[in-house]
C-alpha atoms as a PDB file:
ATOM      1  CA  UNK A   1      19.731  46.508 -34.989  1.00  0.00           C
ATOM      2  CA  UNK A   2      17.033  46.472 -31.800  1.00  0.00           C
ATOM      3  CA  UNK A   3      13.646  48.235 -32.684  1.00  0.00           C
ATOM      4  CA  UNK A   4      10.168  48.617 -31.366  1.00  0.00           C
ATOM      5  CA  UNK A   5       7.699  46.449 -31.261  1.00  0.00           C
ATOM      6  CA  UNK A   6       4.719  48.545 -32.573  1.00  0.00           C
ATOM      7  CA  UNK A   7       7.221  50.178 -35.237  1.00  0.00           C
ATOM      8  CA  UNK A   8       7.790  46.706 -37.281  1.00  0.00           C
ATOM      9  CA  UNK A   9       3.448  45.301 -36.310  1.00  0.00           C
ATOM     10  CA  UNK A  10       2.401  48.821 -37.450  1.00  0.00           C
ATOM     11  CA  UNK A  11       4.355  48.632 -40.604  1.00  0.00           C
ATOM     12  CA  UNK A  12       3.065  44.820 -41.267  1.00  0.00           C
ATOM     13  CA  UNK A  13      -0.733  45.817 -40.190  1.00  0.00           C
ATOM     14  CA  UNK A  14      -0.798  48.486 -43.173  1.00  0.00           C
ATOM     15  CA  UNK A  15       1.214  46.189 -45.810  1.00  0.00           C
ATOM     16  CA  UNK A  16      -0.707  43.101 -45.031  1.00  0.00           C
ATOM     17  CA  UNK A  17       2.123  40.625 -43.604  1.00  0.00           C
ATOM     18  CA  UNK A  18       3.060  39.012 -40.437  1.00  0.00           C
ATOM     19  CA  UNK A  19       6.422  39.122 -38.673  1.00  0.00           C
ATOM     20  CA  UNK A  20       7.905  36.207 -36.931  1.00  0.00           C
ATOM     21  CA  UNK A  21       8.013  36.059 -33.271  1.00  0.00           C
ATOM     22  CA  UNK A  22      10.759  33.146 -32.625  1.00  0.00           C
ATOM     23  CA  UNK A  23      11.588  31.688 -29.323  1.00  0.00           C
ATOM     24  CA  UNK A  24      15.134  31.387 -28.316  1.00  0.00           C
ATOM     25  CA  UNK A  25      16.843  30.169 -25.349  1.00  0.00           C
ATOM     26  CA  UNK A  26      20.426  29.714 -26.343  1.00  0.00           C
ATOM     27  CA  UNK A  27      23.482  30.836 -28.027  1.00  0.00           C
ATOM     28  CA  UNK A  28      22.343  28.679 -30.965  1.00  0.00           C
ATOM     29  CA  UNK A  29      18.737  29.695 -31.520  1.00  0.00           C
ATOM     30  CA  UNK A  30      19.445  33.477 -31.453  1.00  0.00           C
ATOM     31  CA  UNK A  31      22.293  32.827 -34.249  1.00  0.00           C
ATOM     32  CA  UNK A  32      20.003  30.776 -36.162  1.00  0.00           C
ATOM     33  CA  UNK A  33      16.950  32.987 -36.600  1.00  0.00           C
ATOM     34  CA  UNK A  34      19.263  36.246 -36.692  1.00  0.00           C
ATOM     35  CA  UNK A  35      21.127  34.595 -39.552  1.00  0.00           C
ATOM     36  CA  UNK A  36      17.714  33.472 -41.345  1.00  0.00           C
ATOM     37  CA  UNK A  37      16.110  37.214 -40.809  1.00  0.00           C
ATOM     38  CA  UNK A  38      19.520  38.906 -42.240  1.00  0.00           C
ATOM     39  CA  UNK A  39      19.126  36.466 -45.406  1.00  0.00           C
ATOM     40  CA  UNK A  40      15.701  37.180 -45.993  1.00  0.00           C
ATOM     41  CA  UNK A  41      15.728  40.835 -45.513  1.00  0.00           C
ATOM     42  CA  UNK A  42      12.794  40.195 -42.694  1.00  0.00           C
ATOM     43  CA  UNK A  43      11.929  42.295 -39.915  1.00  0.00           C
ATOM     44  CA  UNK A  44      12.280  39.757 -36.587  1.00  0.00           C
ATOM     45  CA  UNK A  45      10.831  39.082 -33.328  1.00  0.00           C
ATOM     46  CA  UNK A  46      13.357  36.582 -30.631  1.00  0.00           C
ATOM     47  CA  UNK A  47      10.872  35.980 -27.749  1.00  0.00           C
ATOM     48  CA  UNK A  48      12.115  34.433 -24.659  1.00  0.00           C
ATOM     49  CA  UNK A  49       9.332  31.882 -22.382  1.00  0.00           C
ATOM     50  CA  UNK A  50       9.661  32.124 -18.351  1.00  0.00           C
ATOM     51  CA  UNK A  51      10.980  28.698 -19.093  1.00  0.00           C
ATOM     52  CA  UNK A  52      14.030  29.585 -21.182  1.00  0.00           C
ATOM     53  CA  UNK A  53      14.805  32.608 -18.554  1.00  0.00           C
ATOM     54  CA  UNK A  54      14.879  29.846 -16.006  1.00  0.00           C
ATOM     55  CA  UNK A  55      16.958  27.681 -17.982  1.00  0.00           C
ATOM     56  CA  UNK A  56      19.703  30.051 -19.067  1.00  0.00           C
ATOM     57  CA  UNK A  57      18.868  33.072 -17.570  1.00  0.00           C
ATOM     58  CA  UNK A  58      17.326  36.664 -18.138  1.00  0.00           C
ATOM     59  CA  UNK A  59      20.614  39.034 -18.443  1.00  0.00           C
ATOM     60  CA  UNK A  60      22.434  36.374 -20.421  1.00  0.00           C
ATOM     61  CA  UNK A  61      19.818  35.928 -23.062  1.00  0.00           C
ATOM     62  CA  UNK A  62      19.527  39.447 -23.291  1.00  0.00           C
ATOM     63  CA  UNK A  63      23.097  40.491 -23.028  1.00  0.00           C
ATOM     64  CA  UNK A  64      23.766  37.687 -25.801  1.00  0.00           C
ATOM     65  CA  UNK A  65      20.713  39.326 -28.509  1.00  0.00           C
ATOM     66  CA  UNK A  66      21.642  42.566 -27.699  1.00  0.00           C
ATOM     67  CA  UNK A  67      25.242  41.825 -28.639  1.00  0.00           C
ATOM     68  CA  UNK A  68      24.211  40.201 -31.698  1.00  0.00           C
ATOM     69  CA  UNK A  69      21.493  42.673 -32.688  1.00  0.00           C
ATOM     70  CA  UNK A  70      24.370  45.464 -32.611  1.00  0.00           C
ATOM     71  CA  UNK A  71      26.049  43.684 -35.680  1.00  0.00           C
ATOM     72  CA  UNK A  72      22.901  44.078 -38.098  1.00  0.00           C
ATOM     73  CA  UNK A  73      20.817  46.345 -39.662  1.00  0.00           C
ATOM     74  CA  UNK A  74      17.943  43.332 -39.696  1.00  0.00           C
ATOM     75  CA  UNK A  75      15.158  45.014 -37.208  1.00  0.00           C
ATOM     76  CA  UNK A  76      14.822  43.245 -34.494  1.00  0.00           C
ATOM     77  CA  UNK A  77      12.816  42.905 -31.583  1.00  0.00           C
ATOM     78  CA  UNK A  78      13.529  41.036 -28.258  1.00  0.00           C
ATOM     79  CA  UNK A  79      10.187  40.225 -26.554  1.00  0.00           C
ATOM     80  CA  UNK A  80       9.463  38.477 -23.437  1.00  0.00           C
ATOM     81  CA  UNK A  81       6.751  35.622 -24.175  1.00  0.00           C
ATOM     82  CA  UNK A  82       3.887  34.678 -22.150  1.00  0.00           C
ATOM     83  CA  UNK A  83       4.809  36.539 -18.973  1.00  0.00           C
ATOM     84  CA  UNK A  84       2.415  34.941 -16.588  1.00  0.00           C
ATOM     85  CA  UNK A  85       4.946  35.658 -13.650  1.00  0.00           C
ATOM     86  CA  UNK A  86       4.051  39.408 -12.583  1.00  0.00           C
ATOM     87  CA  UNK A  87       6.869  39.890 -10.741  1.00  0.00           C
ATOM     88  CA  UNK A  88       8.964  38.334 -13.881  1.00  0.00           C
ATOM     89  CA  UNK A  89       7.269  40.588 -15.991  1.00  0.00           C
ATOM     90  CA  UNK A  90       7.910  43.407 -13.787  1.00  0.00           C
ATOM     91  CA  UNK A  91      11.359  42.241 -13.759  1.00  0.00           C
ATOM     92  CA  UNK A  92      11.768  42.367 -17.570  1.00  0.00           C
ATOM     93  CA  UNK A  93      10.663  45.893 -18.083  1.00  0.00           C
ATOM     94  CA  UNK A  94      12.812  47.261 -15.384  1.00  0.00           C
ATOM     95  CA  UNK A  95      15.660  45.435 -17.033  1.00  0.00           C
ATOM     96  CA  UNK A  96      16.542  47.131 -19.533  1.00  0.00           C
ATOM     97  CA  UNK A  97      17.103  44.313 -21.934  1.00  0.00           C
ATOM     98  CA  UNK A  98      13.643  43.683 -23.489  1.00  0.00           C
ATOM     99  CA  UNK A  99      11.665  45.942 -26.320  1.00  0.00           C
ATOM    100  CA  UNK A 100       8.567  44.404 -25.346  1.00  0.00           C
ATOM    101  CA  UNK A 101       6.497  42.229 -22.895  1.00  0.00           C
ATOM    102  CA  UNK A 102       3.580  39.736 -23.044  1.00  0.00           C
ATOM    103  CA  UNK A 103       1.801  39.695 -20.073  1.00  0.00           C
ATOM    104  CA  UNK A 104      -0.324  36.534 -20.093  1.00  0.00           C
ATOM    105  CA  UNK A 105      -3.457  36.785 -17.698  1.00  0.00           C
ATOM    106  CA  UNK A 106      -5.513  35.094 -19.985  1.00  0.00           C
ATOM    107  CA  UNK A 107      -6.145  32.526 -17.555  1.00  0.00           C
ATOM    108  CA  UNK A 108      -7.789  35.290 -14.562  1.00  0.00           C
ATOM    109  CA  UNK A 109     -11.164  36.901 -14.888  1.00  0.00           C
ATOM    110  CA  UNK A 110     -11.555  39.050 -17.127  1.00  0.00           C
ATOM    111  CA  UNK A 111     -11.877  42.249 -15.028  1.00  0.00           C
ATOM    112  CA  UNK A 112      -8.816  41.099 -13.365  1.00  0.00           C
ATOM    113  CA  UNK A 113      -7.401  40.295 -16.379  1.00  0.00           C
ATOM    114  CA  UNK A 114      -7.690  43.998 -17.566  1.00  0.00           C
ATOM    115  CA  UNK A 115      -6.579  45.696 -14.087  1.00  0.00           C
ATOM    116  CA  UNK A 116      -3.486  44.116 -14.274  1.00  0.00           C
ATOM    117  CA  UNK A 117      -2.658  44.640 -17.617  1.00  0.00           C
ATOM    118  CA  UNK A 118      -3.691  48.140 -17.711  1.00  0.00           C
ATOM    119  CA  UNK A 119      -0.979  48.626 -14.451  1.00  0.00           C
ATOM    120  CA  UNK A 120       1.360  46.696 -16.457  1.00  0.00           C
ATOM    121  CA  UNK A 121       1.267  48.722 -19.954  1.00  0.00           C
ATOM    122  CA  UNK A 122       1.351  52.086 -17.475  1.00  0.00           C
ATOM    123  CA  UNK A 123       4.985  50.779 -16.029  1.00  0.00           C
ATOM    124  CA  UNK A 124       5.882  49.749 -19.449  1.00  0.00           C
ATOM    125  CA  UNK A 125       4.975  52.922 -21.518  1.00  0.00           C
ATOM    126  CA  UNK A 126       6.704  55.059 -18.910  1.00  0.00           C
ATOM    127  CA  UNK A 127       9.882  52.639 -19.550  1.00  0.00           C
ATOM    128  CA  UNK A 128       9.296  53.091 -23.139  1.00  0.00           C
ATOM    129  CA  UNK A 129       8.709  49.030 -23.001  1.00  0.00           C
ATOM    130  CA  UNK A 130       5.769  48.161 -25.294  1.00  0.00           C
ATOM    131  CA  UNK A 131       2.977  45.243 -23.707  1.00  0.00           C
ATOM    132  CA  UNK A 132       1.347  42.271 -25.588  1.00  0.00           C
ATOM    133  CA  UNK A 133      -1.608  41.026 -23.998  1.00  0.00           C
ATOM    134  CA  UNK A 134      -4.233  38.161 -24.576  1.00  0.00           C
ATOM    135  CA  UNK A 135      -7.897  37.550 -24.091  1.00  0.00           C
ATOM    136  CA  UNK A 136      -8.995  34.085 -24.590  1.00  0.00           C
ATOM    137  CA  UNK A 137      -6.978  31.483 -23.809  1.00  0.00           C
ATOM    138  CA  UNK A 138      -5.099  28.931 -26.335  1.00  0.00           C
ATOM    139  CA  UNK A 139      -5.420  25.098 -25.780  1.00  0.00           C
ATOM    140  CA  UNK A 140      -2.646  23.334 -25.068  1.00  0.00           C
ATOM    141  CA  UNK A 141       0.954  22.706 -23.575  1.00  0.00           C
ATOM    142  CA  UNK A 142       4.213  24.850 -24.383  1.00  0.00           C
ATOM    143  CA  UNK A 143       7.330  25.420 -21.321  1.00  0.00           C
ATOM    144  CA  UNK A 144       5.142  26.785 -18.203  1.00  0.00           C
ATOM    145  CA  UNK A 145       1.885  27.264 -20.227  1.00  0.00           C
ATOM    146  CA  UNK A 146      -1.048  24.765 -19.935  1.00  0.00           C
ATOM    147  CA  UNK A 147      -4.876  25.155 -20.690  1.00  0.00           C
ATOM    148  CA  UNK A 148      -6.813  22.241 -20.516  1.00  0.00           C
ATOM    149  CA  UNK A 149      -9.030  22.074 -23.588  1.00  0.00           C
ATOM    150  CA  UNK A 150     -12.217  22.549 -21.725  1.00  0.00           C
ATOM    151  CA  UNK A 151     -11.186  25.911 -20.317  1.00  0.00           C
ATOM    152  CA  UNK A 152      -9.574  27.105 -23.467  1.00  0.00           C
ATOM    153  CA  UNK A 153     -11.625  30.119 -24.293  1.00  0.00           C
ATOM    154  CA  UNK A 154     -12.075  31.827 -27.997  1.00  0.00           C
ATOM    155  CA  UNK A 155     -12.113  35.842 -27.843  1.00  0.00           C
ATOM    156  CA  UNK A 156     -14.765  37.848 -27.509  1.00  0.00           C
ATOM    157  CA  UNK A 157     -14.613  40.197 -30.380  1.00  0.00           C
ATOM    158  CA  UNK A 158     -16.573  43.411 -28.602  1.00  0.00           C
ATOM    159  CA  UNK A 159     -14.597  42.467 -25.101  1.00  0.00           C
ATOM    160  CA  UNK A 160     -11.261  42.377 -27.204  1.00  0.00           C
ATOM    161  CA  UNK A 161     -12.151  46.127 -28.237  1.00  0.00           C
ATOM    162  CA  UNK A 162     -13.124  47.450 -24.853  1.00  0.00           C
ATOM    163  CA  UNK A 163     -10.059  45.326 -23.735  1.00  0.00           C
ATOM    164  CA  UNK A 164      -7.998  47.375 -25.528  1.00  0.00           C
ATOM    165  CA  UNK A 165      -9.300  50.654 -25.060  1.00  0.00           C
ATOM    166  CA  UNK A 166      -9.552  50.478 -21.321  1.00  0.00           C
ATOM    167  CA  UNK A 167      -5.781  48.875 -20.963  1.00  0.00           C
ATOM    168  CA  UNK A 168      -3.922  50.613 -23.690  1.00  0.00           C
ATOM    169  CA  UNK A 169      -2.159  48.044 -24.962  1.00  0.00           C
ATOM    170  CA  UNK A 170      -0.005  48.018 -28.073  1.00  0.00           C
ATOM    171  CA  UNK A 171      -0.939  44.545 -29.551  1.00  0.00           C
ATOM    172  CA  UNK A 172      -3.323  41.746 -28.706  1.00  0.00           C
ATOM    173  CA  UNK A 173      -3.069  37.944 -28.937  1.00  0.00           C
ATOM    174  CA  UNK A 174      -6.102  36.483 -29.729  1.00  0.00           C
ATOM    175  CA  UNK A 175      -7.903  32.481 -29.684  1.00  0.00           C
ATOM    176  CA  UNK A 176      -9.407  31.434 -32.794  1.00  0.00           C
ATOM    177  CA  UNK A 177      -8.727  28.044 -32.592  1.00  0.00           C
ATOM    178  CA  UNK A 178      -4.857  27.722 -32.796  1.00  0.00           C
ATOM    179  CA  UNK A 179      -2.944  25.287 -29.957  1.00  0.00           C
ATOM    180  CA  UNK A 180       0.383  25.082 -28.492  1.00  0.00           C
ATOM    181  CA  UNK A 181       2.696  22.148 -28.766  1.00  0.00           C
ATOM    182  CA  UNK A 182       3.308  19.826 -31.315  1.00  0.00           C
ATOM    183  CA  UNK A 183      -0.479  17.857 -31.102  1.00  0.00           C
ATOM    184  CA  UNK A 184      -2.482  20.767 -31.922  1.00  0.00           C
ATOM    185  CA  UNK A 185      -5.042  18.726 -34.367  1.00  0.00           C
ATOM    186  CA  UNK A 186      -6.387  15.140 -34.980  1.00  0.00           C
ATOM    187  CA  UNK A 187      -8.082  15.698 -38.108  1.00  0.00           C
ATOM    188  CA  UNK A 188      -7.974  19.139 -40.645  1.00  0.00           C
ATOM    189  CA  UNK A 189      -7.033  22.607 -39.527  1.00  0.00           C
ATOM    190  CA  UNK A 190      -9.977  24.514 -38.280  1.00  0.00           C
ATOM    191  CA  UNK A 191      -9.610  28.021 -37.298  1.00  0.00           C
ATOM    192  CA  UNK A 192     -12.581  30.845 -36.794  1.00  0.00           C
ATOM    193  CA  UNK A 193     -12.138  32.988 -39.164  1.00  0.00           C
ATOM    194  CA  UNK A 194     -15.222  34.730 -38.904  1.00  0.00           C
ATOM    195  CA  UNK A 195     -14.320  36.054 -35.212  1.00  0.00           C
ATOM    196  CA  UNK A 196     -11.112  36.871 -36.711  1.00  0.00           C
ATOM    197  CA  UNK A 197     -12.736  39.113 -39.068  1.00  0.00           C
ATOM    198  CA  UNK A 198     -15.040  40.161 -36.677  1.00  0.00           C
ATOM    199  CA  UNK A 199     -12.050  41.357 -33.882  1.00  0.00           C
ATOM    200  CA  UNK A 200     -10.077  42.728 -36.929  1.00  0.00           C
ATOM    201  CA  UNK A 201     -13.015  45.316 -37.749  1.00  0.00           C
ATOM    202  CA  UNK A 202     -13.178  46.517 -34.238  1.00  0.00           C
ATOM    203  CA  UNK A 203      -9.749  46.079 -32.736  1.00  0.00           C
ATOM    204  CA  UNK A 204      -6.939  48.876 -33.919  1.00  0.00           C
ATOM    205  CA  UNK A 205      -3.921  47.501 -32.407  1.00  0.00           C
ATOM    206  CA  UNK A 206      -1.863  44.728 -34.180  1.00  0.00           C
ATOM    207  CA  UNK A 207      -3.162  41.063 -33.877  1.00  0.00           C
ATOM    208  CA  UNK A 208      -1.453  38.093 -32.591  1.00  0.00           C
ATOM    209  CA  UNK A 209      -1.476  34.462 -33.191  1.00  0.00           C
ATOM    210  CA  UNK A 210      -0.479  31.968 -30.634  1.00  0.00           C
ATOM    211  CA  UNK A 211       0.107  28.407 -30.983  1.00  0.00           C
ATOM    212  CA  UNK A 212       0.950  28.504 -34.974  1.00  0.00           C
ATOM    213  CA  UNK A 213       3.580  25.705 -35.811  1.00  0.00           C
ATOM    214  CA  UNK A 214       2.908  24.159 -38.558  1.00  0.00           C
ATOM    215  CA  UNK A 215       4.844  20.943 -37.810  1.00  0.00           C
ATOM    216  CA  UNK A 216       6.150  20.840 -41.593  1.00  0.00           C
ATOM    217  CA  UNK A 217       5.924  17.052 -42.978  1.00  0.00           C
ATOM    218  CA  UNK A 218       9.639  17.446 -44.425  1.00  0.00           C
ATOM    219  CA  UNK A 219      11.299  18.498 -40.949  1.00  0.00           C
ATOM    220  CA  UNK A 220       9.129  15.976 -38.550  1.00  0.00           C
ATOM    221  CA  UNK A 221       9.775  12.866 -40.951  1.00  0.00           C
ATOM    222  CA  UNK A 222      13.626  13.847 -40.618  1.00  0.00           C
ATOM    223  CA  UNK A 223      12.987  13.787 -36.811  1.00  0.00           C
ATOM    224  CA  UNK A 224      11.009  10.710 -36.898  1.00  0.00           C
ATOM    225  CA  UNK A 225      13.628   9.083 -38.811  1.00  0.00           C
ATOM    226  CA  UNK A 226      16.186   9.962 -36.590  1.00  0.00           C
ATOM    227  CA  UNK A 227      13.994   8.880 -32.913  1.00  0.00           C
ATOM    228  CA  UNK A 228      11.871  11.614 -32.112  1.00  0.00           C
ATOM    229  CA  UNK A 229       8.469   9.618 -31.687  1.00  0.00           C
ATOM    230  CA  UNK A 230       6.109  12.842 -32.751  1.00  0.00           C
ATOM    231  CA  UNK A 231       4.220  10.639 -35.763  1.00  0.00           C
ATOM    232  CA  UNK A 232       0.358  11.828 -34.530  1.00  0.00           C
ATOM    233  CA  UNK A 233       1.908  15.632 -34.907  1.00  0.00           C
ATOM    234  CA  UNK A 234       0.092  17.926 -36.429  1.00  0.00           C
ATOM    235  CA  UNK A 235       0.604  21.834 -37.056  1.00  0.00           C
ATOM    236  CA  UNK A 236      -1.554  24.512 -38.708  1.00  0.00           C
ATOM    237  CA  UNK A 237      -1.698  24.510 -42.523  1.00  0.00           C
ATOM    238  CA  UNK A 238       0.411  27.056 -44.194  1.00  0.00           C
ATOM    239  CA  UNK A 239      -3.083  27.909 -45.866  1.00  0.00           C
ATOM    240  CA  UNK A 240      -4.610  28.773 -42.826  1.00  0.00           C
ATOM    241  CA  UNK A 241      -1.791  31.080 -42.078  1.00  0.00           C
ATOM    242  CA  UNK A 242      -1.963  32.427 -45.376  1.00  0.00           C
ATOM    243  CA  UNK A 243      -5.735  33.631 -44.350  1.00  0.00           C
ATOM    244  CA  UNK A 244      -4.953  34.474 -41.018  1.00  0.00           C
ATOM    245  CA  UNK A 245      -2.019  37.047 -42.057  1.00  0.00           C
ATOM    246  CA  UNK A 246      -4.840  38.059 -44.992  1.00  0.00           C
ATOM    247  CA  UNK A 247      -7.529  38.621 -42.340  1.00  0.00           C
ATOM    248  CA  UNK A 248      -5.105  40.997 -40.022  1.00  0.00           C
ATOM    249  CA  UNK A 249      -3.041  39.112 -38.362  1.00  0.00           C
ATOM    250  CA  UNK A 250       0.358  40.504 -37.904  1.00  0.00           C
ATOM    251  CA  UNK A 251       2.735  38.550 -34.961  1.00  0.00           C
ATOM    252  CA  UNK A 252       2.980  34.622 -35.251  1.00  0.00           C
ATOM    253  CA  UNK A 253       4.564  32.746 -32.573  1.00  0.00           C
ATOM    254  CA  UNK A 254       6.583  29.773 -33.738  1.00  0.00           C
ATOM    255  CA  UNK A 255       8.573  27.643 -31.138  1.00  0.00           C
ATOM    256  CA  UNK A 256       7.363  24.164 -31.412  1.00  0.00           C
ATOM    257  CA  UNK A 257       8.589  23.798 -35.322  1.00  0.00           C
ATOM    258  CA  UNK A 258      12.233  25.067 -33.950  1.00  0.00           C
ATOM    259  CA  UNK A 259      12.407  22.275 -31.162  1.00  0.00           C
ATOM    260  CA  UNK A 260      11.336  19.794 -34.047  1.00  0.00           C
ATOM    261  CA  UNK A 261      13.979  21.275 -36.522  1.00  0.00           C
ATOM    262  CA  UNK A 262      16.797  21.361 -33.601  1.00  0.00           C
ATOM    263  CA  UNK A 263      16.521  17.940 -32.539  1.00  0.00           C
ATOM    264  CA  UNK A 264      16.312  16.662 -35.962  1.00  0.00           C
ATOM    265  CA  UNK A 265      19.374  18.273 -37.168  1.00  0.00           C
ATOM    266  CA  UNK A 266      20.975  17.663 -34.166  1.00  0.00           C
ATOM    267  CA  UNK A 267      20.300  13.752 -34.391  1.00  0.00           C
ATOM    268  CA  UNK A 268      20.538  12.999 -37.541  1.00  0.00           C
ATOM    269  CA  UNK A 269      24.479  14.258 -37.477  1.00  0.00           C
ATOM    270  CA  UNK A 270      25.303  12.220 -34.045  1.00  0.00           C
ATOM    271  CA  UNK A 271      23.687   9.321 -35.809  1.00  0.00           C
ATOM    272  CA  UNK A 272      25.494   9.776 -39.277  1.00  0.00           C
ATOM    273  CA  UNK A 273      28.922  11.087 -37.572  1.00  0.00           C
ATOM    274  CA  UNK A 274      29.316   8.451 -34.513  1.00  0.00           C
ATOM    275  CA  UNK A 275      32.795   9.249 -34.121  1.00  0.00           C
ATOM    276  CA  UNK A 276      32.408  13.291 -34.040  1.00  0.00           C
ATOM    277  CA  UNK A 277      32.774  13.917 -29.996  1.00  0.00           C
ATOM    278  CA  UNK A 278      33.147  18.305 -30.852  1.00  0.00           C
ATOM    279  CA  UNK A 279      29.763  19.446 -29.337  1.00  0.00           C
ATOM    280  CA  UNK A 280      30.008  22.451 -31.958  1.00  0.00           C
ATOM    281  CA  UNK A 281      29.809  20.180 -34.812  1.00  0.00           C
ATOM    282  CA  UNK A 282      26.544  18.525 -33.694  1.00  0.00           C
ATOM    283  CA  UNK A 283      25.097  21.711 -32.321  1.00  0.00           C
ATOM    284  CA  UNK A 284      25.540  23.694 -35.495  1.00  0.00           C
ATOM    285  CA  UNK A 285      23.536  20.752 -37.461  1.00  0.00           C
ATOM    286  CA  UNK A 286      21.038  21.506 -35.001  1.00  0.00           C
ATOM    287  CA  UNK A 287      21.187  25.245 -35.425  1.00  0.00           C
ATOM    288  CA  UNK A 288      21.464  25.304 -39.167  1.00  0.00           C
ATOM    289  CA  UNK A 289      17.934  23.491 -39.497  1.00  0.00           C
ATOM    290  CA  UNK A 290      16.500  25.788 -37.151  1.00  0.00           C
ATOM    291  CA  UNK A 291      17.990  28.667 -39.470  1.00  0.00           C
ATOM    292  CA  UNK A 292      16.248  27.119 -42.702  1.00  0.00           C
ATOM    293  CA  UNK A 293      12.784  26.120 -40.854  1.00  0.00           C
ATOM    294  CA  UNK A 294      12.745  30.352 -39.979  1.00  0.00           C
ATOM    295  CA  UNK A 295      13.671  31.077 -43.183  1.00  0.00           C
ATOM    296  CA  UNK A 296      10.399  29.124 -44.732  1.00  0.00           C
ATOM    297  CA  UNK A 297       8.215  31.018 -42.004  1.00  0.00           C
ATOM    298  CA  UNK A 298       9.376  34.357 -43.059  1.00  0.00           C
ATOM    299  CA  UNK A 299       8.474  33.277 -46.937  1.00  0.00           C
ATOM    300  CA  UNK A 300       4.977  31.780 -45.804  1.00  0.00           C
ATOM    301  CA  UNK A 301       4.681  34.967 -43.364  1.00  0.00           C
ATOM    302  CA  UNK A 302       4.926  37.216 -46.329  1.00  0.00           C
ATOM    303  CA  UNK A 303       7.818  39.262 -44.507  1.00  0.00           C
ATOM    304  CA  UNK A 304      10.937  38.331 -47.204  1.00  0.00           C
ATOM    305  CA  UNK A 305      12.598  42.178 -47.845  1.00  0.00           C
ATOM    306  CA  UNK A 306      10.422  44.356 -45.483  1.00  0.00           C
ATOM    307  CA  UNK A 307      13.272  45.946 -44.342  1.00  0.00           C
END
């Protein structure tokens, strides 16, 4: 069933766990995430990036998620991820498909980010749509999101408190050292937990962690075995995720790990079944490995049996 973003995140904030927000862009990815959520009895957020909308169409993705959400009692939020294009954010708000949207004004000057976020919050709330905002920029590359290392800014705690109060946003994505894409770190994972603690003390709305894929070794190794050239890929460690959740993060975005899983499952099936020409067979293999990956994330975030 479809539900609101605040309803699941406020509960997560009170009970000290996080809800996974998983990027979807076709039938198989939607099936994979919902199947895992049902099995684990966990609330879940299905989100679409601007690139996913360009690929599959806003109405097509919305109709697909709404149809599948009606068939389950699991709480599901349909969310627009990283909305940088204001026209698209407005379209998503007015479409009737989305439960919540993210307006990503993190690359804008602070005053402009605040002004535009406040305006979109007013529109969204008039349509019963929640808004996630972002303050501070996440480094790395993912779909249409690209922020150079030198331009990446960590979130200032005092600014964050003022920003939330003035905009009225329902959740805030913060920058504490995570990165988009598969190549997040060369050495050990280093996140600014002290900054997170300070933000949590000053900000009352749920906090969001973007760029949080872990690049699980087992899935990465399987992908490499069947041809993926991602040997140097390294993500956020499980221990760092657990600590971030314990310090107040209650929405965690995952995209890269699902891409790796899909590629690994698909290529393994094709190589091991070279005479099978049925797209449903190899797409199912990718879908099933995504589902297993989502299950692992749900256990890591602590949202199992939280419905």
